[in-house]
Amino acid sequence: MANTKSAKKATRQMVRRTEINKNRRSTAKTAVRKVEEAIASGNKDAAAAALRSAQPSLVRTAQKGVMHPKTASRKVSRLAQRIKAMA
């Protein structure tokens, strides 16, 4: 248990940041899942639209430090490749 005043404050901040980061991570995962579902359905236009809405979410998650920037870039790139490969 935190004893000093500064340690107690750090604990409060950590709890608050954890909640915010969980929310950001969840939003990014949901966006990626929507793109994957659109790809699975075979609708290229819907998949492209879903990717356009997912990309800012992933980039923002990376900028905030919740996800590594290269991870976000890799996810966007792979989703774009899969959409491009659709006939």
C-alpha atoms as a PDB file:
ATOM      1  CA  MET A   1       0.000   0.000   0.000  1.00  0.00           C
ATOM      2  CA  ALA A   2       1.208   3.504  -0.811  1.00  0.00           C
ATOM      3  CA  ASN A   3       2.452   5.396   2.215  1.00  0.00           C
ATOM      4  CA  THR A   4       3.547   8.797   0.975  1.00  0.00           C
ATOM      5  CA  LYS A   5       1.256  11.481  -0.362  1.00  0.00           C
ATOM      6  CA  SER A   6       2.972  11.389  -3.767  1.00  0.00           C
ATOM      7  CA  ALA A   7       2.659   7.598  -4.005  1.00  0.00           C
ATOM      8  CA  LYS A   8      -1.067   7.816  -3.225  1.00  0.00           C
ATOM      9  CA  LYS A   9      -1.479  10.432  -5.953  1.00  0.00           C
ATOM     10  CA  ALA A  10       0.487   8.293  -8.416  1.00  0.00           C
ATOM     11  CA  THR A  11      -1.831   5.378  -7.660  1.00  0.00           C
ATOM     12  CA  ARG A  12      -4.901   7.520  -8.340  1.00  0.00           C
ATOM     13  CA  GLN A  13      -3.407   8.720 -11.617  1.00  0.00           C
ATOM     14  CA  MET A  14      -2.499   5.183 -12.638  1.00  0.00           C
ATOM     15  CA  VAL A  15      -6.063   3.961 -12.096  1.00  0.00           C
ATOM     16  CA  ARG A  16      -7.471   6.845 -14.137  1.00  0.00           C
ATOM     17  CA  ARG A  17      -4.990   6.352 -17.000  1.00  0.00           C
ATOM     18  CA  THR A  18      -5.608   2.596 -17.042  1.00  0.00           C
ATOM     19  CA  GLU A  19      -9.330   3.158 -17.616  1.00  0.00           C
ATOM     20  CA  ILE A  20      -8.650   5.616 -20.434  1.00  0.00           C
ATOM     21  CA  ASN A  21      -6.123   3.275 -22.068  1.00  0.00           C
ATOM     22  CA  LYS A  22      -8.519   0.319 -21.818  1.00  0.00           C
ATOM     23  CA  ASN A  23     -11.158   2.385 -23.601  1.00  0.00           C
ATOM     24  CA  ARG A  24      -8.731   3.403 -26.362  1.00  0.00           C
ATOM     25  CA  ARG A  25      -7.523  -0.190 -26.840  1.00  0.00           C
ATOM     26  CA  SER A  26     -11.109  -1.427 -27.006  1.00  0.00           C
ATOM     27  CA  THR A  27     -12.067   1.212 -29.579  1.00  0.00           C
ATOM     28  CA  ALA A  28      -9.130   0.249 -31.799  1.00  0.00           C
ATOM     29  CA  LYS A  29      -9.924  -3.474 -31.555  1.00  0.00           C
ATOM     30  CA  THR A  30     -13.577  -2.830 -32.417  1.00  0.00           C
ATOM     31  CA  ALA A  31     -12.569  -0.789 -35.462  1.00  0.00           C
ATOM     32  CA  VAL A  32     -10.262  -3.563 -36.690  1.00  0.00           C
ATOM     33  CA  ARG A  33     -12.966  -6.182 -36.108  1.00  0.00           C
ATOM     34  CA  LYS A  34     -15.450  -4.169 -38.198  1.00  0.00           C
ATOM     35  CA  VAL A  35     -12.983  -4.103 -41.096  1.00  0.00           C
ATOM     36  CA  GLU A  36     -12.353  -7.848 -40.792  1.00  0.00           C
ATOM     37  CA  GLU A  37     -16.096  -8.555 -40.741  1.00  0.00           C
ATOM     38  CA  ALA A  38     -16.578  -6.422 -43.860  1.00  0.00           C
ATOM     39  CA  ILE A  39     -13.753  -8.322 -45.587  1.00  0.00           C
ATOM     40  CA  ALA A  40     -15.316 -11.648 -44.567  1.00  0.00           C
ATOM     41  CA  SER A  41     -18.674 -10.577 -45.985  1.00  0.00           C
ATOM     42  CA  GLY A  42     -16.992  -9.931 -49.343  1.00  0.00           C
ATOM     43  CA  ASN A  43     -18.180  -6.339 -49.702  1.00  0.00           C
ATOM     44  CA  LYS A  44     -15.148  -4.376 -50.897  1.00  0.00           C
ATOM     45  CA  ASP A  45     -16.791  -0.943 -50.619  1.00  0.00           C
ATOM     46  CA  ALA A  46     -17.918  -1.587 -47.037  1.00  0.00           C
ATOM     47  CA  ALA A  47     -14.472  -2.924 -46.138  1.00  0.00           C
ATOM     48  CA  ALA A  48     -12.769   0.157 -47.594  1.00  0.00           C
ATOM     49  CA  ALA A  49     -15.144   2.452 -45.716  1.00  0.00           C
ATOM     50  CA  ALA A  50     -14.529   0.534 -42.486  1.00  0.00           C
ATOM     51  CA  LEU A  51     -10.762   0.842 -43.004  1.00  0.00           C
ATOM     52  CA  ARG A  52     -11.067   4.593 -43.554  1.00  0.00           C
ATOM     53  CA  SER A  53     -12.818   4.883 -40.176  1.00  0.00           C
ATOM     54  CA  ALA A  54     -10.459   2.427 -38.432  1.00  0.00           C
ATOM     55  CA  GLN A  55      -7.202   4.013 -39.539  1.00  0.00           C
ATOM     56  CA  PRO A  56      -7.511   7.242 -37.479  1.00  0.00           C
ATOM     57  CA  SER A  57      -8.485   5.201 -34.442  1.00  0.00           C
ATOM     58  CA  LEU A  58      -5.378   3.022 -34.750  1.00  0.00           C
ATOM     59  CA  VAL A  59      -3.077   5.980 -35.393  1.00  0.00           C
ATOM     60  CA  ARG A  60      -4.504   7.880 -32.433  1.00  0.00           C
ATOM     61  CA  THR A  61      -4.044   4.837 -30.209  1.00  0.00           C
ATOM     62  CA  ALA A  62      -0.393   4.700 -31.262  1.00  0.00           C
ATOM     63  CA  GLN A  63       0.135   8.431 -30.749  1.00  0.00           C
ATOM     64  CA  LYS A  64      -1.201   8.180 -27.215  1.00  0.00           C
ATOM     65  CA  GLY A  65       1.273   5.398 -26.428  1.00  0.00           C
ATOM     66  CA  VAL A  66      -1.320   2.685 -25.878  1.00  0.00           C
ATOM     67  CA  MET A  67      -0.038   0.746 -28.895  1.00  0.00           C
ATOM     68  CA  HIS A  68       3.391   0.815 -30.503  1.00  0.00           C
ATOM     69  CA  PRO A  69       3.372   3.002 -33.643  1.00  0.00           C
ATOM     70  CA  LYS A  70       4.776   0.223 -35.836  1.00  0.00           C
ATOM     71  CA  THR A  71       2.084  -2.167 -34.592  1.00  0.00           C
ATOM     72  CA  ALA A  72      -0.634   0.271 -35.646  1.00  0.00           C
ATOM     73  CA  SER A  73       1.052   0.828 -38.997  1.00  0.00           C
ATOM     74  CA  ARG A  74       1.369  -2.932 -39.558  1.00  0.00           C
ATOM     75  CA  LYS A  75      -2.317  -3.504 -38.771  1.00  0.00           C
ATOM     76  CA  VAL A  76      -3.420  -0.775 -41.202  1.00  0.00           C
ATOM     77  CA  SER A  77      -1.083  -2.077 -43.878  1.00  0.00           C
ATOM     78  CA  ARG A  78      -2.245  -5.688 -43.575  1.00  0.00           C
ATOM     79  CA  LEU A  79      -5.909  -4.710 -43.617  1.00  0.00           C
ATOM     80  CA  ALA A  80      -5.314  -2.547 -46.703  1.00  0.00           C
ATOM     81  CA  GLN A  81      -3.553  -5.455 -48.427  1.00  0.00           C
ATOM     82  CA  ARG A  82      -6.463  -7.778 -47.706  1.00  0.00           C
ATOM     83  CA  ILE A  83      -8.958  -5.242 -49.081  1.00  0.00           C
ATOM     84  CA  LYS A  84      -6.830  -4.707 -52.192  1.00  0.00           C
ATOM     85  CA  ALA A  85      -6.693  -8.477 -52.768  1.00  0.00           C
ATOM     86  CA  MET A  86     -10.491  -8.737 -52.835  1.00  0.00           C
ATOM     87  CA  ALA A  87     -11.831  -9.425 -56.328  1.00  0.00           C
END
